[in-house]
Amino acid sequence: MDNTKNLRNMGLKATYPRLKILELFQSGEHRHLTAEDVYRLLDAAGVEIGLATVYRVLTQFEQAGVLERHHFESGKAIFELAAGEHHDHLVCLDCGHIEEFFDATIEARQREIAQERGFEVADHAMYLYAHCRRENCPNRQKGE
């Protein structure tokens, strides 16, 4: 995938910060990141991009439809690639881990409920907040 061309097609110049931030999200290692997460990961990789620039690029990517912004329980904005496929989120209240899921039955029931009340769903976001019940949760901090 040619990110330089893709950014230009979205009306954005292919600057070094934009390319590096886009590569980070496309790597697939991290699906849901705060601006601070992006900054720390880039810094750890030896990429020098200021936090203000990270915030600016994330906002530009959101406006261009490259990223989606979510506001989970933490109060911080979380970004993920706009994949074009709808999914919902399960958010751990203990460690903040986020899992994506899709359930056709839930989606159908939401449309039915809207129709019963005289609405047609244009879009929605569902976040389920829960406590992890797995004994060996890989995301739980040591000592919890």
N, C-alpha and C. Protein backbone atom coordinates (compact mmCIF):
# COMPACT_ATOMS: atom_id res chain seq x y z
N MET A 1 0.84 -1.17 0.00
CA MET A 1 0.00 0.00 0.00
C MET A 1 0.89 1.24 0.00
N ASP A 2 0.65 2.14 -0.92
CA ASP A 2 1.44 3.36 -1.04
C ASP A 2 0.80 4.46 -0.21
N ASN A 3 1.34 4.65 0.99
CA ASN A 3 0.74 5.63 1.90
C ASN A 3 0.87 7.06 1.40
N THR A 4 1.95 7.36 0.68
CA THR A 4 2.13 8.70 0.14
C THR A 4 0.98 9.03 -0.81
N LYS A 5 0.68 8.11 -1.70
CA LYS A 5 -0.40 8.30 -2.67
C LYS A 5 -1.76 8.35 -1.95
N ASN A 6 -1.94 7.46 -0.98
CA ASN A 6 -3.21 7.44 -0.23
C ASN A 6 -3.46 8.76 0.49
N LEU A 7 -2.44 9.30 1.12
CA LEU A 7 -2.60 10.58 1.82
C LEU A 7 -2.94 11.69 0.83
N ARG A 8 -2.26 11.71 -0.29
CA ARG A 8 -2.55 12.73 -1.31
C ARG A 8 -3.97 12.62 -1.83
N ASN A 9 -4.45 11.39 -2.00
CA ASN A 9 -5.83 11.18 -2.45
C ASN A 9 -6.85 11.71 -1.45
N MET A 10 -6.45 11.78 -0.17
CA MET A 10 -7.33 12.29 0.88
C MET A 10 -7.17 13.80 1.05
N GLY A 11 -6.32 14.40 0.23
CA GLY A 11 -6.11 15.83 0.32
C GLY A 11 -5.08 16.24 1.37
N LEU A 12 -4.27 15.28 1.81
CA LEU A 12 -3.25 15.56 2.80
C LEU A 12 -1.86 15.38 2.20
N LYS A 13 -0.94 16.28 2.55
CA LYS A 13 0.44 16.11 2.13
C LYS A 13 1.04 14.93 2.87
N ALA A 14 1.92 14.23 2.20
CA ALA A 14 2.56 13.06 2.80
C ALA A 14 3.78 13.51 3.60
N THR A 15 3.55 14.09 4.77
CA THR A 15 4.64 14.54 5.62
C THR A 15 5.19 13.37 6.43
N TYR A 16 6.38 13.54 6.93
CA TYR A 16 7.02 12.50 7.75
C TYR A 16 6.14 12.10 8.94
N PRO A 17 5.64 13.07 9.74
CA PRO A 17 4.79 12.67 10.87
C PRO A 17 3.54 11.91 10.44
N ARG A 18 2.89 12.35 9.38
CA ARG A 18 1.68 11.65 8.92
C ARG A 18 2.00 10.22 8.48
N LEU A 19 3.07 10.06 7.74
CA LEU A 19 3.45 8.73 7.26
C LEU A 19 3.78 7.80 8.43
N LYS A 20 4.53 8.29 9.41
CA LYS A 20 4.93 7.46 10.55
C LYS A 20 3.73 7.08 11.42
N ILE A 21 2.82 8.01 11.64
CA ILE A 21 1.65 7.72 12.45
C ILE A 21 0.72 6.75 11.73
N LEU A 22 0.55 6.93 10.43
CA LEU A 22 -0.26 6.01 9.65
C LEU A 22 0.35 4.61 9.66
N GLU A 23 1.66 4.51 9.51
CA GLU A 23 2.34 3.21 9.56
C GLU A 23 2.12 2.52 10.90
N LEU A 24 2.14 3.29 11.97
CA LEU A 24 1.93 2.73 13.30
C LEU A 24 0.56 2.06 13.40
N PHE A 25 -0.47 2.74 12.93
CA PHE A 25 -1.81 2.15 12.98
C PHE A 25 -1.94 0.98 12.03
N GLN A 26 -1.28 1.04 10.89
CA GLN A 26 -1.40 -0.03 9.90
C GLN A 26 -0.59 -1.27 10.26
N SER A 27 0.33 -1.14 11.20
CA SER A 27 1.18 -2.29 11.56
C SER A 27 0.36 -3.44 12.13
N GLY A 28 -0.83 -3.13 12.65
CA GLY A 28 -1.70 -4.18 13.17
C GLY A 28 -1.36 -4.59 14.59
N GLU A 29 -0.23 -4.14 15.11
CA GLU A 29 0.16 -4.49 16.47
C GLU A 29 -0.76 -3.84 17.50
N HIS A 30 -1.16 -2.61 17.22
CA HIS A 30 -1.97 -1.84 18.14
C HIS A 30 -3.21 -1.33 17.41
N ARG A 31 -4.39 -1.73 17.87
CA ARG A 31 -5.64 -1.32 17.20
C ARG A 31 -6.22 -0.05 17.77
N HIS A 32 -6.11 0.14 19.09
CA HIS A 32 -6.75 1.26 19.77
C HIS A 32 -5.70 2.04 20.55
N LEU A 33 -5.47 3.28 20.14
CA LEU A 33 -4.40 4.07 20.75
C LEU A 33 -4.86 5.48 21.12
N THR A 34 -4.37 5.97 22.25
CA THR A 34 -4.55 7.37 22.60
C THR A 34 -3.42 8.15 21.92
N ALA A 35 -3.52 9.47 21.93
CA ALA A 35 -2.45 10.30 21.39
C ALA A 35 -1.16 10.04 22.16
N GLU A 36 -1.28 9.89 23.47
CA GLU A 36 -0.11 9.62 24.30
C GLU A 36 0.52 8.27 23.95
N ASP A 37 -0.32 7.26 23.67
CA ASP A 37 0.20 5.95 23.25
C ASP A 37 0.99 6.10 21.96
N VAL A 38 0.44 6.83 21.00
CA VAL A 38 1.12 7.04 19.71
C VAL A 38 2.47 7.70 19.95
N TYR A 39 2.47 8.75 20.75
CA TYR A 39 3.70 9.48 21.05
C TYR A 39 4.74 8.54 21.68
N ARG A 40 4.34 7.76 22.69
CA ARG A 40 5.28 6.85 23.37
C ARG A 40 5.82 5.77 22.42
N LEU A 41 4.95 5.20 21.59
CA LEU A 41 5.40 4.16 20.67
C LEU A 41 6.37 4.71 19.63
N LEU A 42 6.08 5.90 19.12
CA LEU A 42 7.00 6.52 18.16
C LEU A 42 8.33 6.84 18.82
N ASP A 43 8.27 7.38 20.03
CA ASP A 43 9.49 7.72 20.77
C ASP A 43 10.33 6.47 21.02
N ALA A 44 9.68 5.38 21.41
CA ALA A 44 10.39 4.12 21.66
C ALA A 44 11.04 3.58 20.40
N ALA A 45 10.46 3.90 19.24
CA ALA A 45 11.01 3.45 17.96
C ALA A 45 12.06 4.43 17.42
N GLY A 46 12.35 5.47 18.20
CA GLY A 46 13.35 6.44 17.77
C GLY A 46 12.84 7.48 16.79
N VAL A 47 11.53 7.60 16.68
CA VAL A 47 10.92 8.57 15.78
C VAL A 47 10.59 9.82 16.60
N GLU A 48 11.21 10.93 16.24
CA GLU A 48 11.03 12.16 17.01
C GLU A 48 9.92 13.01 16.40
N ILE A 49 8.74 12.88 17.01
CA ILE A 49 7.58 13.67 16.61
C ILE A 49 6.97 14.19 17.91
N GLY A 50 6.75 15.47 18.00
CA GLY A 50 6.22 16.07 19.21
C GLY A 50 4.77 15.68 19.48
N LEU A 51 4.39 15.75 20.75
CA LEU A 51 3.04 15.39 21.15
C LEU A 51 1.99 16.28 20.50
N ALA A 52 2.28 17.57 20.37
CA ALA A 52 1.32 18.48 19.71
C ALA A 52 1.11 18.08 18.26
N THR A 53 2.16 17.65 17.59
CA THR A 53 2.05 17.19 16.21
C THR A 53 1.23 15.91 16.13
N VAL A 54 1.44 15.02 17.09
CA VAL A 54 0.65 13.78 17.13
C VAL A 54 -0.83 14.12 17.24
N TYR A 55 -1.19 15.01 18.17
CA TYR A 55 -2.60 15.41 18.33
C TYR A 55 -3.14 16.00 17.03
N ARG A 56 -2.37 16.86 16.40
CA ARG A 56 -2.81 17.53 15.17
C ARG A 56 -3.04 16.51 14.05
N VAL A 57 -2.10 15.57 13.88
CA VAL A 57 -2.22 14.56 12.82
C VAL A 57 -3.41 13.64 13.08
N LEU A 58 -3.60 13.23 14.33
CA LEU A 58 -4.74 12.36 14.65
C LEU A 58 -6.06 13.05 14.32
N THR A 59 -6.16 14.33 14.64
CA THR A 59 -7.37 15.09 14.31
C THR A 59 -7.55 15.20 12.80
N GLN A 60 -6.46 15.46 12.08
CA GLN A 60 -6.53 15.54 10.62
C GLN A 60 -6.97 14.20 10.02
N PHE A 61 -6.43 13.10 10.55
CA PHE A 61 -6.80 11.78 10.07
C PHE A 61 -8.27 11.47 10.37
N GLU A 62 -8.74 11.91 11.52
CA GLU A 62 -10.15 11.70 11.84
C GLU A 62 -11.03 12.49 10.87
N GLN A 63 -10.68 13.73 10.62
CA GLN A 63 -11.46 14.57 9.70
C GLN A 63 -11.44 14.02 8.27
N ALA A 64 -10.34 13.38 7.90
CA ALA A 64 -10.22 12.81 6.56
C ALA A 64 -10.85 11.42 6.45
N GLY A 65 -11.31 10.87 7.59
CA GLY A 65 -11.93 9.56 7.58
C GLY A 65 -10.97 8.40 7.66
N VAL A 66 -9.70 8.68 7.97
CA VAL A 66 -8.69 7.63 8.09
C VAL A 66 -8.82 6.93 9.43
N LEU A 67 -9.09 7.70 10.48
CA LEU A 67 -9.22 7.17 11.83
C LEU A 67 -10.60 7.47 12.39
N GLU A 68 -11.02 6.64 13.33
CA GLU A 68 -12.24 6.89 14.09
C GLU A 68 -11.84 7.20 15.52
N ARG A 69 -12.55 8.15 16.12
CA ARG A 69 -12.29 8.54 17.51
C ARG A 69 -13.40 7.94 18.38
N HIS A 70 -12.98 7.35 19.50
CA HIS A 70 -13.93 6.81 20.48
C HIS A 70 -13.62 7.45 21.83
N HIS A 71 -14.65 7.56 22.64
CA HIS A 71 -14.48 8.06 24.01
C HIS A 71 -14.97 6.97 24.95
N PHE A 72 -14.04 6.15 25.39
CA PHE A 72 -14.39 5.08 26.31
C PHE A 72 -14.36 5.61 27.74
N GLU A 73 -14.56 4.74 28.69
CA GLU A 73 -14.68 5.10 30.11
C GLU A 73 -13.48 5.89 30.64
N SER A 74 -12.31 5.74 30.06
CA SER A 74 -11.11 6.41 30.57
C SER A 74 -11.19 7.92 30.44
N GLY A 75 -12.08 8.41 29.59
CA GLY A 75 -12.18 9.85 29.38
C GLY A 75 -11.22 10.36 28.32
N LYS A 76 -10.29 9.52 27.90
CA LYS A 76 -9.34 9.90 26.86
C LYS A 76 -9.87 9.45 25.50
N ALA A 77 -9.55 10.22 24.48
CA ALA A 77 -9.93 9.82 23.12
C ALA A 77 -9.06 8.65 22.69
N ILE A 78 -9.69 7.65 22.13
CA ILE A 78 -9.00 6.47 21.61
C ILE A 78 -9.23 6.45 20.10
N PHE A 79 -8.18 6.21 19.34
CA PHE A 79 -8.26 6.20 17.89
C PHE A 79 -8.02 4.80 17.36
N GLU A 80 -8.71 4.50 16.24
CA GLU A 80 -8.46 3.25 15.51
C GLU A 80 -8.67 3.52 14.03
N LEU A 81 -8.05 2.69 13.21
CA LEU A 81 -8.24 2.83 11.77
C LEU A 81 -9.71 2.68 11.42
N ALA A 82 -10.18 3.50 10.53
CA ALA A 82 -11.56 3.40 10.05
C ALA A 82 -11.59 2.27 9.03
N ALA A 83 -12.01 1.11 9.49
CA ALA A 83 -11.94 -0.10 8.66
C ALA A 83 -13.10 -0.21 7.69
N GLY A 84 -14.16 0.55 7.89
CA GLY A 84 -15.30 0.47 7.00
C GLY A 84 -16.27 -0.62 7.39
N GLU A 85 -15.86 -1.54 8.24
CA GLU A 85 -16.74 -2.61 8.69
C GLU A 85 -17.17 -2.29 10.11
N HIS A 86 -18.48 -2.32 10.34
CA HIS A 86 -18.98 -2.00 11.67
C HIS A 86 -18.58 -3.07 12.69
N HIS A 87 -18.24 -2.62 13.88
CA HIS A 87 -18.01 -3.51 15.01
C HIS A 87 -18.28 -2.74 16.28
N ASP A 88 -18.50 -3.48 17.35
CA ASP A 88 -18.72 -2.89 18.66
C ASP A 88 -17.52 -3.19 19.54
N HIS A 89 -17.52 -2.63 20.74
CA HIS A 89 -16.34 -2.75 21.61
C HIS A 89 -16.72 -3.25 23.00
N LEU A 90 -15.87 -4.11 23.52
CA LEU A 90 -15.94 -4.61 24.89
C LEU A 90 -14.73 -4.03 25.60
N VAL A 91 -14.95 -3.24 26.65
CA VAL A 91 -13.88 -2.51 27.32
C VAL A 91 -13.72 -3.03 28.75
N CYS A 92 -12.52 -3.46 29.10
CA CYS A 92 -12.25 -3.96 30.45
C CYS A 92 -12.09 -2.77 31.39
N LEU A 93 -12.86 -2.77 32.46
CA LEU A 93 -12.80 -1.71 33.47
C LEU A 93 -11.58 -1.84 34.38
N ASP A 94 -10.92 -3.01 34.34
CA ASP A 94 -9.76 -3.23 35.20
C ASP A 94 -8.45 -2.78 34.56
N CYS A 95 -8.25 -3.17 33.30
CA CYS A 95 -6.97 -2.86 32.67
C CYS A 95 -7.10 -1.95 31.44
N GLY A 96 -8.34 -1.70 30.98
CA GLY A 96 -8.54 -0.84 29.83
C GLY A 96 -8.44 -1.55 28.49
N HIS A 97 -8.17 -2.86 28.51
CA HIS A 97 -8.07 -3.63 27.27
C HIS A 97 -9.38 -3.52 26.49
N ILE A 98 -9.27 -3.40 25.17
CA ILE A 98 -10.44 -3.25 24.31
C ILE A 98 -10.49 -4.40 23.32
N GLU A 99 -11.62 -5.06 23.26
CA GLU A 99 -11.82 -6.12 22.27
C GLU A 99 -12.96 -5.71 21.36
N GLU A 100 -12.79 -5.98 20.07
CA GLU A 100 -13.83 -5.70 19.09
C GLU A 100 -14.67 -6.95 18.89
N PHE A 101 -15.95 -6.73 18.60
CA PHE A 101 -16.80 -7.87 18.27
C PHE A 101 -17.92 -7.42 17.35
N PHE A 102 -18.48 -8.38 16.65
CA PHE A 102 -19.66 -8.15 15.80
C PHE A 102 -20.63 -9.28 16.08
N ASP A 103 -21.88 -8.94 16.28
CA ASP A 103 -22.90 -9.95 16.51
C ASP A 103 -24.12 -9.59 15.67
N ALA A 104 -24.41 -10.41 14.67
CA ALA A 104 -25.51 -10.12 13.75
C ALA A 104 -26.86 -10.08 14.45
N THR A 105 -27.04 -10.89 15.48
CA THR A 105 -28.31 -10.90 16.23
C THR A 105 -28.52 -9.57 16.94
N ILE A 106 -27.47 -9.06 17.58
CA ILE A 106 -27.56 -7.76 18.27
C ILE A 106 -27.86 -6.66 17.25
N GLU A 107 -27.18 -6.70 16.13
CA GLU A 107 -27.38 -5.66 15.10
C GLU A 107 -28.82 -5.69 14.59
N ALA A 108 -29.34 -6.89 14.33
CA ALA A 108 -30.72 -7.01 13.83
C ALA A 108 -31.71 -6.52 14.89
N ARG A 109 -31.48 -6.87 16.13
CA ARG A 109 -32.39 -6.46 17.20
C ARG A 109 -32.39 -4.95 17.37
N GLN A 110 -31.25 -4.30 17.22
CA GLN A 110 -31.20 -2.84 17.32
C GLN A 110 -32.03 -2.19 16.21
N ARG A 111 -31.93 -2.72 14.99
CA ARG A 111 -32.74 -2.19 13.88
C ARG A 111 -34.23 -2.39 14.15
N GLU A 112 -34.58 -3.58 14.68
CA GLU A 112 -35.98 -3.86 15.00
C GLU A 112 -36.52 -2.89 16.05
N ILE A 113 -35.74 -2.65 17.09
CA ILE A 113 -36.17 -1.74 18.16
C ILE A 113 -36.39 -0.34 17.59
N ALA A 114 -35.47 0.11 16.76
CA ALA A 114 -35.60 1.44 16.15
C ALA A 114 -36.87 1.49 15.29
N GLN A 115 -37.10 0.46 14.46
CA GLN A 115 -38.28 0.44 13.60
C GLN A 115 -39.57 0.43 14.41
N GLU A 116 -39.59 -0.35 15.49
CA GLU A 116 -40.78 -0.42 16.35
C GLU A 116 -41.15 0.96 16.90
N ARG A 117 -40.16 1.80 17.05
CA ARG A 117 -40.37 3.13 17.63
C ARG A 117 -40.40 4.23 16.57
N GLY A 118 -40.42 3.82 15.29
CA GLY A 118 -40.53 4.79 14.21
C GLY A 118 -39.22 5.43 13.78
N PHE A 119 -38.12 4.74 14.00
CA PHE A 119 -36.82 5.26 13.60
C PHE A 119 -36.14 4.34 12.61
N GLU A 120 -35.18 4.89 11.89
CA GLU A 120 -34.30 4.10 11.04
C GLU A 120 -32.88 4.42 11.47
N VAL A 121 -32.13 3.40 11.86
CA VAL A 121 -30.77 3.60 12.36
C VAL A 121 -29.85 4.07 11.24
N ALA A 122 -29.20 5.19 11.46
CA ALA A 122 -28.21 5.70 10.50
C ALA A 122 -26.81 5.24 10.90
N ASP A 123 -26.56 5.20 12.18
CA ASP A 123 -25.25 4.79 12.70
C ASP A 123 -25.41 4.56 14.19
N HIS A 124 -24.50 3.81 14.76
CA HIS A 124 -24.50 3.64 16.21
C HIS A 124 -23.15 3.16 16.68
N ALA A 125 -22.92 3.30 17.96
CA ALA A 125 -21.71 2.77 18.60
C ALA A 125 -22.15 2.12 19.90
N MET A 126 -21.69 0.91 20.11
CA MET A 126 -22.02 0.22 21.35
C MET A 126 -20.73 -0.14 22.07
N TYR A 127 -20.65 0.27 23.31
CA TYR A 127 -19.51 -0.05 24.16
C TYR A 127 -20.03 -0.82 25.36
N LEU A 128 -19.51 -2.00 25.58
CA LEU A 128 -19.85 -2.78 26.77
C LEU A 128 -18.69 -2.66 27.74
N TYR A 129 -18.96 -2.20 28.95
CA TYR A 129 -17.93 -2.06 29.97
C TYR A 129 -18.06 -3.23 30.94
N ALA A 130 -16.96 -3.93 31.16
CA ALA A 130 -17.03 -5.15 31.96
C ALA A 130 -15.73 -5.38 32.73
N HIS A 131 -15.79 -6.32 33.67
CA HIS A 131 -14.60 -6.74 34.41
C HIS A 131 -14.16 -8.09 33.84
N CYS A 132 -12.89 -8.21 33.56
CA CYS A 132 -12.35 -9.46 33.03
C CYS A 132 -12.48 -10.56 34.09
N ARG A 133 -12.96 -11.70 33.66
CA ARG A 133 -13.13 -12.83 34.58
C ARG A 133 -12.14 -13.95 34.28
N ARG A 134 -11.23 -13.72 33.35
CA ARG A 134 -10.26 -14.76 33.00
C ARG A 134 -9.17 -14.83 34.07
N GLU A 135 -8.88 -16.03 34.54
CA GLU A 135 -7.85 -16.23 35.57
C GLU A 135 -6.50 -15.69 35.13
N ASN A 136 -6.10 -16.01 33.92
CA ASN A 136 -4.78 -15.63 33.42
C ASN A 136 -4.89 -14.56 32.36
N CYS A 137 -5.57 -13.48 32.68
CA CYS A 137 -5.75 -12.38 31.72
C CYS A 137 -4.38 -11.83 31.34
N PRO A 138 -4.06 -11.84 30.03
CA PRO A 138 -2.75 -11.35 29.60
C PRO A 138 -2.61 -9.84 29.73
N ASN A 139 -3.72 -9.12 29.93
CA ASN A 139 -3.69 -7.68 29.99
C ASN A 139 -3.68 -7.14 31.43
N ARG A 140 -3.94 -7.99 32.39
CA ARG A 140 -4.00 -7.56 33.79
C ARG A 140 -2.59 -7.27 34.30
N GLN A 141 -2.49 -6.22 35.04
CA GLN A 141 -1.20 -5.84 35.64
C GLN A 141 -0.82 -6.87 36.70
N LYS A 142 0.46 -7.11 36.84
CA LYS A 142 0.95 -8.05 37.87
C LYS A 142 0.54 -7.53 39.24
N GLY A 143 0.11 -8.44 40.10
CA GLY A 143 -0.25 -8.07 41.46
C GLY A 143 -1.72 -7.74 41.64
N GLU A 144 -2.50 -7.73 40.58
CA GLU A 144 -3.95 -7.42 40.73
C GLU A 144 -4.68 -8.66 41.14
